[in-house]
C-alpha cells in the first residue's frame, strides 16, 4: 500500500480515490484513507461500498 501511494504521489497525483469492500475499510483507514461517502455496488444490488480518499500531499 505504501508503495502504491508513494508512486502515485511521485507521479503528481494529489489524491487517490477508491470504492472499498466494506470489510477492507479498516485496512485502508489504517493506511490514512478517510471515508468520504458511499457508492452503490455494481455487482451486488442494494450493497453500499465505502467511498474512500487518500490525500497524497
Protein backbone atom coordinates (compact mmCIF):
# COMPACT_ATOMS: atom_id res chain seq x y z
CA UNK A 1 0.00 0.00 0.00
CA UNK A 2 2.79 2.41 0.89
CA UNK A 3 4.48 1.77 -2.45
CA UNK A 4 1.27 2.41 -4.40
CA UNK A 5 0.63 5.67 -2.54
CA UNK A 6 4.19 6.94 -2.88
CA UNK A 7 4.25 6.01 -6.58
CA UNK A 8 1.05 7.96 -7.18
CA UNK A 9 2.44 10.97 -5.29
CA UNK A 10 5.72 10.78 -7.26
CA UNK A 11 3.68 10.95 -10.47
CA UNK A 12 1.96 14.14 -9.37
CA UNK A 13 -1.34 12.81 -8.05
CA UNK A 14 -2.71 14.81 -5.13
CA UNK A 15 -5.24 12.20 -4.05
CA UNK A 16 -6.28 8.63 -4.70
CA UNK A 17 -9.97 7.68 -4.51
CA UNK A 18 -11.48 4.20 -4.37
CA UNK A 19 -14.62 2.26 -3.57
CA UNK A 20 -13.66 -0.33 -0.97
CA UNK A 21 -15.10 -3.64 0.05
CA UNK A 22 -16.80 -2.93 3.40
CA UNK A 23 -14.54 -5.46 5.10
CA UNK A 24 -11.44 -3.68 3.77
CA UNK A 25 -12.38 -0.24 5.07
CA UNK A 26 -10.34 -0.64 8.30
CA UNK A 27 -7.27 -1.62 6.25
CA UNK A 28 -7.47 1.49 4.08
CA UNK A 29 -8.22 3.69 7.11
CA UNK A 30 -5.15 2.31 8.89
CA UNK A 31 -3.10 3.48 5.90
CA UNK A 32 -4.53 7.00 6.04
CA UNK A 33 -7.68 6.91 3.90
CA UNK A 34 -10.81 8.68 5.02
CA UNK A 35 -14.36 7.75 4.15
CA UNK A 36 -15.90 10.50 2.03
CA UNK A 37 -19.20 8.84 1.19
CA UNK A 38 -20.72 5.66 -0.18
CA UNK A 39 -21.19 4.17 -3.62
CA UNK A 40 -23.57 1.51 -4.85
CA UNK A 41 -22.00 -1.86 -5.65
CA UNK A 42 -22.00 -2.68 -9.34
CA UNK A 43 -22.29 -6.40 -8.66
CA UNK A 44 -24.49 -6.82 -5.58
CA UNK A 45 -27.83 -4.99 -5.71
CA UNK A 46 -28.53 -2.95 -2.58
CA UNK A 47 -24.96 -3.16 -1.27
CA UNK A 48 -23.16 0.09 -0.49
CA UNK A 49 -19.39 0.43 -0.63
CA UNK A 50 -17.28 2.89 1.36
CA UNK A 51 -16.01 5.63 -0.97
CA UNK A 52 -12.55 6.50 0.37
CA UNK A 53 -9.80 9.03 -0.33
CA UNK A 54 -6.09 9.17 0.38
CA UNK A 55 -4.65 12.71 0.43
CA UNK A 56 -1.18 12.48 -1.09
CA UNK A 57 0.02 15.94 -0.20
